[in-house]
Amino acid sequence: MINVLFVSLGAAFGGGLRYWVSNVVYKLLPTFFPYGTLAVNVLGSFLLGIFIFYFGKNELLGQNLKLFLTIGFAGGFTTFSTFSFETIKLFQDSEIYLGLVNIFLNVLLSLLGIYIAYILSKL
């Protein structure tokens, strides 16, 4: 039961930060494209990579903190369901090109975020 508490607390912090980061990005960049979700997915992937690869390699996380940061915080912070909704919305609005760009950028840059974290953990 304690594991559920750590995951839930992490998800609360991650969700709150996701809301804040998305709003900041949407204030800075044009609103015709879901840049806020893209930024959160890329940053979330990078952070998850750091938590798993760097902290895991160096055994810096206890089990509870690992649950808090990975499943809880990173899971609450990233927004795959929002990404999916925004992509379908672009398609419904006949913005097929932007929908495809959204898919490509979210997948490619999120994978790149994890990979960069993996490389950095090797240093």
N, C-alpha and C. Protein backbone atom coordinates (compact mmCIF):
# COMPACT_ATOMS: atom_id res chain seq x y z
N MET A 1 0.81 -1.20 0.00
CA MET A 1 0.00 0.00 0.00
C MET A 1 0.86 1.27 0.00
N ILE A 2 2.01 1.19 0.62
CA ILE A 2 2.91 2.35 0.66
C ILE A 2 3.40 2.70 -0.75
N ASN A 3 3.56 1.68 -1.60
CA ASN A 3 3.97 1.93 -2.98
C ASN A 3 2.96 2.79 -3.72
N VAL A 4 1.68 2.53 -3.49
CA VAL A 4 0.62 3.30 -4.13
C VAL A 4 0.70 4.76 -3.68
N LEU A 5 1.02 4.98 -2.43
CA LEU A 5 1.14 6.34 -1.91
C LEU A 5 2.28 7.09 -2.60
N PHE A 6 3.43 6.44 -2.74
CA PHE A 6 4.56 7.08 -3.41
C PHE A 6 4.26 7.39 -4.88
N VAL A 7 3.63 6.46 -5.57
CA VAL A 7 3.26 6.68 -6.98
C VAL A 7 2.24 7.82 -7.08
N SER A 8 1.27 7.82 -6.20
CA SER A 8 0.23 8.86 -6.24
C SER A 8 0.79 10.24 -5.95
N LEU A 9 1.68 10.34 -4.98
CA LEU A 9 2.30 11.64 -4.68
C LEU A 9 3.14 12.13 -5.86
N GLY A 10 3.90 11.23 -6.45
CA GLY A 10 4.71 11.59 -7.61
C GLY A 10 3.84 12.06 -8.76
N ALA A 11 2.73 11.36 -8.99
CA ALA A 11 1.83 11.72 -10.08
C ALA A 11 1.20 13.09 -9.84
N ALA A 12 0.90 13.40 -8.59
CA ALA A 12 0.34 14.72 -8.27
C ALA A 12 1.34 15.83 -8.61
N PHE A 13 2.57 15.65 -8.20
CA PHE A 13 3.61 16.65 -8.52
C PHE A 13 3.86 16.73 -10.02
N GLY A 14 3.93 15.58 -10.68
CA GLY A 14 4.16 15.56 -12.12
C GLY A 14 3.02 16.22 -12.88
N GLY A 15 1.80 15.94 -12.48
CA GLY A 15 0.65 16.54 -13.15
C GLY A 15 0.61 18.05 -12.97
N GLY A 16 0.93 18.50 -11.77
CA GLY A 16 0.97 19.94 -11.52
C GLY A 16 2.04 20.63 -12.34
N LEU A 17 3.20 20.01 -12.42
CA LEU A 17 4.28 20.59 -13.21
C LEU A 17 3.95 20.55 -14.70
N ARG A 18 3.28 19.48 -15.14
CA ARG A 18 2.86 19.39 -16.55
C ARG A 18 1.94 20.57 -16.89
N TYR A 19 0.99 20.86 -16.03
CA TYR A 19 0.07 21.97 -16.26
C TYR A 19 0.83 23.29 -16.37
N TRP A 20 1.76 23.51 -15.47
CA TRP A 20 2.53 24.76 -15.45
C TRP A 20 3.41 24.89 -16.70
N VAL A 21 4.18 23.84 -17.01
CA VAL A 21 5.09 23.88 -18.17
C VAL A 21 4.29 24.10 -19.46
N SER A 22 3.21 23.37 -19.63
CA SER A 22 2.39 23.52 -20.84
C SER A 22 1.89 24.94 -20.98
N ASN A 23 1.42 25.52 -19.90
CA ASN A 23 0.91 26.90 -19.97
C ASN A 23 2.01 27.89 -20.30
N VAL A 24 3.19 27.71 -19.75
CA VAL A 24 4.31 28.60 -20.06
C VAL A 24 4.65 28.51 -21.54
N VAL A 25 4.74 27.28 -22.06
CA VAL A 25 5.08 27.09 -23.47
C VAL A 25 4.00 27.71 -24.36
N TYR A 26 2.74 27.52 -24.01
CA TYR A 26 1.66 28.06 -24.84
C TYR A 26 1.64 29.59 -24.82
N LYS A 27 2.18 30.20 -23.78
CA LYS A 27 2.29 31.66 -23.74
C LYS A 27 3.45 32.16 -24.59
N LEU A 28 4.45 31.32 -24.80
CA LEU A 28 5.65 31.72 -25.53
C LEU A 28 5.59 31.41 -27.02
N LEU A 29 4.85 30.39 -27.40
CA LEU A 29 4.84 29.93 -28.80
C LEU A 29 3.43 30.02 -29.38
N PRO A 30 3.32 30.04 -30.70
CA PRO A 30 2.00 30.12 -31.35
C PRO A 30 1.10 28.96 -30.93
N THR A 31 -0.20 29.22 -30.91
CA THR A 31 -1.15 28.22 -30.42
C THR A 31 -1.72 27.31 -31.51
N PHE A 32 -1.30 27.50 -32.77
CA PHE A 32 -1.85 26.66 -33.84
C PHE A 32 -1.32 25.23 -33.78
N PHE A 33 -0.27 24.99 -32.99
CA PHE A 33 0.34 23.67 -32.86
C PHE A 33 0.49 23.35 -31.37
N PRO A 34 0.28 22.09 -30.95
CA PRO A 34 0.35 21.75 -29.52
C PRO A 34 1.79 21.67 -28.99
N TYR A 35 2.48 22.80 -28.99
CA TYR A 35 3.86 22.85 -28.52
C TYR A 35 3.99 22.50 -27.03
N GLY A 36 3.01 22.87 -26.24
CA GLY A 36 3.07 22.58 -24.80
C GLY A 36 3.14 21.09 -24.53
N THR A 37 2.31 20.33 -25.20
CA THR A 37 2.33 18.88 -25.04
C THR A 37 3.63 18.29 -25.56
N LEU A 38 4.08 18.80 -26.68
CA LEU A 38 5.36 18.33 -27.24
C LEU A 38 6.49 18.58 -26.25
N ALA A 39 6.55 19.77 -25.69
CA ALA A 39 7.61 20.10 -24.73
C ALA A 39 7.56 19.19 -23.51
N VAL A 40 6.37 18.94 -23.01
CA VAL A 40 6.22 18.08 -21.83
C VAL A 40 6.63 16.65 -22.15
N ASN A 41 6.23 16.14 -23.32
CA ASN A 41 6.60 14.77 -23.67
C ASN A 41 8.10 14.60 -23.84
N VAL A 42 8.75 15.57 -24.47
CA VAL A 42 10.21 15.48 -24.66
C VAL A 42 10.93 15.62 -23.33
N LEU A 43 10.56 16.62 -22.54
CA LEU A 43 11.20 16.81 -21.23
C LEU A 43 10.93 15.62 -20.32
N GLY A 44 9.70 15.12 -20.35
CA GLY A 44 9.36 13.95 -19.53
C GLY A 44 10.16 12.72 -19.91
N SER A 45 10.36 12.52 -21.19
CA SER A 45 11.17 11.38 -21.64
C SER A 45 12.62 11.53 -21.19
N PHE A 46 13.14 12.75 -21.32
CA PHE A 46 14.51 13.00 -20.87
C PHE A 46 14.64 12.74 -19.36
N LEU A 47 13.70 13.27 -18.58
CA LEU A 47 13.77 13.09 -17.12
C LEU A 47 13.65 11.61 -16.74
N LEU A 48 12.74 10.90 -17.39
CA LEU A 48 12.61 9.47 -17.11
C LEU A 48 13.91 8.75 -17.41
N GLY A 49 14.57 9.13 -18.51
CA GLY A 49 15.85 8.53 -18.84
C GLY A 49 16.90 8.81 -17.77
N ILE A 50 16.94 10.04 -17.27
CA ILE A 50 17.88 10.38 -16.19
C ILE A 50 17.58 9.55 -14.95
N PHE A 51 16.30 9.47 -14.58
CA PHE A 51 15.92 8.71 -13.38
C PHE A 51 16.32 7.24 -13.50
N ILE A 52 16.10 6.67 -14.66
CA ILE A 52 16.36 5.23 -14.84
C ILE A 52 17.84 4.97 -15.10
N PHE A 53 18.41 5.66 -16.08
CA PHE A 53 19.77 5.34 -16.49
C PHE A 53 20.83 5.89 -15.53
N TYR A 54 20.77 7.17 -15.24
CA TYR A 54 21.81 7.77 -14.40
C TYR A 54 21.66 7.34 -12.94
N PHE A 55 20.49 7.58 -12.39
CA PHE A 55 20.29 7.22 -10.98
C PHE A 55 20.31 5.71 -10.79
N GLY A 56 19.80 4.97 -11.78
CA GLY A 56 19.81 3.51 -11.69
C GLY A 56 21.22 2.95 -11.75
N LYS A 57 22.02 3.49 -12.67
CA LYS A 57 23.41 3.03 -12.82
C LYS A 57 24.21 3.26 -11.54
N ASN A 58 23.99 4.40 -10.95
CA ASN A 58 24.74 4.78 -9.75
C ASN A 58 24.04 4.38 -8.46
N GLU A 59 22.94 3.64 -8.59
CA GLU A 59 22.18 3.14 -7.44
C GLU A 59 21.91 4.24 -6.42
N LEU A 60 21.41 5.38 -6.92
CA LEU A 60 21.15 6.53 -6.07
C LEU A 60 19.71 6.60 -5.56
N LEU A 61 18.86 5.70 -6.04
CA LEU A 61 17.46 5.74 -5.66
C LEU A 61 17.07 4.50 -4.87
N GLY A 62 16.41 4.71 -3.75
CA GLY A 62 15.77 3.60 -3.05
C GLY A 62 14.49 3.24 -3.78
N GLN A 63 13.89 2.14 -3.42
CA GLN A 63 12.70 1.64 -4.11
C GLN A 63 11.56 2.66 -4.07
N ASN A 64 11.31 3.28 -2.91
CA ASN A 64 10.20 4.23 -2.81
C ASN A 64 10.43 5.47 -3.66
N LEU A 65 11.65 6.00 -3.64
CA LEU A 65 11.95 7.18 -4.44
C LEU A 65 11.90 6.85 -5.93
N LYS A 66 12.32 5.65 -6.29
CA LYS A 66 12.25 5.22 -7.69
C LYS A 66 10.80 5.17 -8.16
N LEU A 67 9.91 4.63 -7.35
CA LEU A 67 8.48 4.60 -7.69
C LEU A 67 7.92 6.02 -7.81
N PHE A 68 8.31 6.88 -6.87
CA PHE A 68 7.85 8.27 -6.86
C PHE A 68 8.27 8.98 -8.15
N LEU A 69 9.54 8.85 -8.54
CA LEU A 69 10.07 9.59 -9.69
C LEU A 69 9.68 8.99 -11.04
N THR A 70 9.71 7.67 -11.16
CA THR A 70 9.50 7.05 -12.48
C THR A 70 8.02 6.87 -12.79
N ILE A 71 7.36 6.00 -12.09
CA ILE A 71 5.95 5.72 -12.37
C ILE A 71 5.08 6.91 -11.97
N GLY A 72 5.36 7.49 -10.81
CA GLY A 72 4.56 8.61 -10.32
C GLY A 72 4.81 9.91 -11.05
N PHE A 73 5.97 10.53 -10.78
CA PHE A 73 6.26 11.85 -11.33
C PHE A 73 6.32 11.85 -12.86
N ALA A 74 7.15 11.00 -13.44
CA ALA A 74 7.29 10.99 -14.91
C ALA A 74 5.98 10.57 -15.57
N GLY A 75 5.29 9.61 -14.98
CA GLY A 75 4.00 9.18 -15.53
C GLY A 75 2.95 10.26 -15.45
N GLY A 76 2.93 11.03 -14.36
CA GLY A 76 1.99 12.13 -14.23
C GLY A 76 2.37 13.33 -15.07
N PHE A 77 3.65 13.47 -15.35
CA PHE A 77 4.15 14.63 -16.10
C PHE A 77 3.95 14.48 -17.60
N THR A 78 4.21 13.30 -18.15
CA THR A 78 4.07 13.12 -19.59
C THR A 78 2.59 13.03 -19.96
N THR A 79 2.30 13.28 -21.21
CA THR A 79 0.92 13.52 -21.61
C THR A 79 0.53 12.76 -22.87
N PHE A 80 0.74 11.49 -22.90
CA PHE A 80 0.44 10.76 -24.12
C PHE A 80 -1.04 10.80 -24.47
N SER A 81 -1.91 10.78 -23.48
CA SER A 81 -3.34 10.85 -23.79
C SER A 81 -3.69 12.21 -24.38
N THR A 82 -3.09 13.27 -23.87
CA THR A 82 -3.33 14.61 -24.43
C THR A 82 -2.77 14.69 -25.84
N PHE A 83 -1.58 14.15 -26.03
CA PHE A 83 -0.98 14.09 -27.38
C PHE A 83 -1.93 13.39 -28.35
N SER A 84 -2.50 12.28 -27.94
CA SER A 84 -3.40 11.53 -28.81
C SER A 84 -4.64 12.35 -29.15
N PHE A 85 -5.23 12.99 -28.14
CA PHE A 85 -6.41 13.81 -28.37
C PHE A 85 -6.10 14.97 -29.32
N GLU A 86 -4.98 15.68 -29.06
CA GLU A 86 -4.63 16.83 -29.89
C GLU A 86 -4.34 16.43 -31.33
N THR A 87 -3.78 15.25 -31.52
CA THR A 87 -3.52 14.77 -32.87
C THR A 87 -4.83 14.49 -33.60
N ILE A 88 -5.75 13.81 -32.95
CA ILE A 88 -7.05 13.52 -33.55
C ILE A 88 -7.80 14.84 -33.84
N LYS A 89 -7.68 15.80 -32.92
CA LYS A 89 -8.32 17.10 -33.13
C LYS A 89 -7.75 17.80 -34.37
N LEU A 90 -6.45 17.73 -34.55
CA LEU A 90 -5.84 18.31 -35.76
C LEU A 90 -6.40 17.63 -37.01
N PHE A 91 -6.51 16.31 -36.98
CA PHE A 91 -7.07 15.59 -38.12
C PHE A 91 -8.52 15.99 -38.36
N GLN A 92 -9.32 16.09 -37.29
CA GLN A 92 -10.72 16.49 -37.43
C GLN A 92 -10.85 17.89 -38.00
N ASP A 93 -9.89 18.75 -37.69
CA ASP A 93 -9.89 20.13 -38.21
C ASP A 93 -9.24 20.22 -39.59
N SER A 94 -9.04 19.07 -40.23
CA SER A 94 -8.42 18.97 -41.56
C SER A 94 -6.99 19.49 -41.59
N GLU A 95 -6.33 19.46 -40.47
CA GLU A 95 -4.91 19.85 -40.37
C GLU A 95 -4.06 18.58 -40.41
N ILE A 96 -4.20 17.84 -41.49
CA ILE A 96 -3.55 16.54 -41.63
C ILE A 96 -2.03 16.69 -41.51
N TYR A 97 -1.46 17.67 -42.20
CA TYR A 97 -0.01 17.88 -42.15
C TYR A 97 0.45 18.14 -40.72
N LEU A 98 -0.24 19.05 -40.00
CA LEU A 98 0.16 19.34 -38.62
C LEU A 98 -0.02 18.12 -37.72
N GLY A 99 -1.06 17.34 -37.96
CA GLY A 99 -1.26 16.11 -37.18
C GLY A 99 -0.11 15.13 -37.37
N LEU A 100 0.32 14.97 -38.62
CA LEU A 100 1.44 14.07 -38.90
C LEU A 100 2.75 14.62 -38.32
N VAL A 101 2.94 15.93 -38.42
CA VAL A 101 4.13 16.55 -37.81
C VAL A 101 4.11 16.34 -36.31
N ASN A 102 2.93 16.47 -35.69
CA ASN A 102 2.80 16.27 -34.25
C ASN A 102 3.20 14.85 -33.86
N ILE A 103 2.74 13.87 -34.60
CA ILE A 103 3.10 12.47 -34.33
C ILE A 103 4.61 12.29 -34.47
N PHE A 104 5.14 12.75 -35.58
CA PHE A 104 6.57 12.59 -35.86
C PHE A 104 7.42 13.24 -34.78
N LEU A 105 7.13 14.51 -34.45
CA LEU A 105 7.96 15.23 -33.48
C LEU A 105 7.85 14.64 -32.07
N ASN A 106 6.64 14.29 -31.64
CA ASN A 106 6.49 13.72 -30.30
C ASN A 106 7.23 12.39 -30.17
N VAL A 107 7.11 11.54 -31.17
CA VAL A 107 7.78 10.24 -31.09
C VAL A 107 9.29 10.40 -31.21
N LEU A 108 9.73 11.10 -32.25
CA LEU A 108 11.17 11.25 -32.48
C LEU A 108 11.86 11.99 -31.33
N LEU A 109 11.34 13.13 -30.94
CA LEU A 109 12.02 13.92 -29.91
C LEU A 109 11.92 13.29 -28.52
N SER A 110 10.84 12.57 -28.24
CA SER A 110 10.75 11.86 -26.96
C SER A 110 11.76 10.71 -26.90
N LEU A 111 11.89 9.99 -28.01
CA LEU A 111 12.93 8.95 -28.07
C LEU A 111 14.32 9.56 -27.95
N LEU A 112 14.52 10.69 -28.60
CA LEU A 112 15.79 11.40 -28.50
C LEU A 112 16.07 11.84 -27.07
N GLY A 113 15.04 12.31 -26.37
CA GLY A 113 15.20 12.70 -24.97
C GLY A 113 15.68 11.55 -24.11
N ILE A 114 15.07 10.38 -24.27
CA ILE A 114 15.50 9.20 -23.51
C ILE A 114 16.93 8.82 -23.90
N TYR A 115 17.24 8.85 -25.19
CA TYR A 115 18.57 8.46 -25.65
C TYR A 115 19.64 9.41 -25.13
N ILE A 116 19.38 10.71 -25.14
CA ILE A 116 20.35 11.68 -24.61
C ILE A 116 20.59 11.42 -23.12
N ALA A 117 19.53 11.13 -22.39
CA ALA A 117 19.69 10.82 -20.97
C ALA A 117 20.55 9.56 -20.79
N TYR A 118 20.34 8.56 -21.65
CA TYR A 118 21.14 7.34 -21.59
C TYR A 118 22.61 7.64 -21.85
N ILE A 119 22.90 8.44 -22.87
CA ILE A 119 24.28 8.81 -23.20
C ILE A 119 24.91 9.59 -22.04
N LEU A 120 24.18 10.54 -21.51
CA LEU A 120 24.71 11.34 -20.39
C LEU A 120 24.98 10.50 -19.16
N SER A 121 24.19 9.44 -18.96
CA SER A 121 24.42 8.58 -17.79
C SER A 121 25.69 7.76 -17.93
N LYS A 122 26.19 7.63 -19.13
CA LYS A 122 27.42 6.88 -19.37
C LYS A 122 28.68 7.72 -19.10
N LEU A 123 28.54 9.04 -18.98
CA LEU A 123 29.69 9.93 -18.78
C LEU A 123 30.26 9.83 -17.38
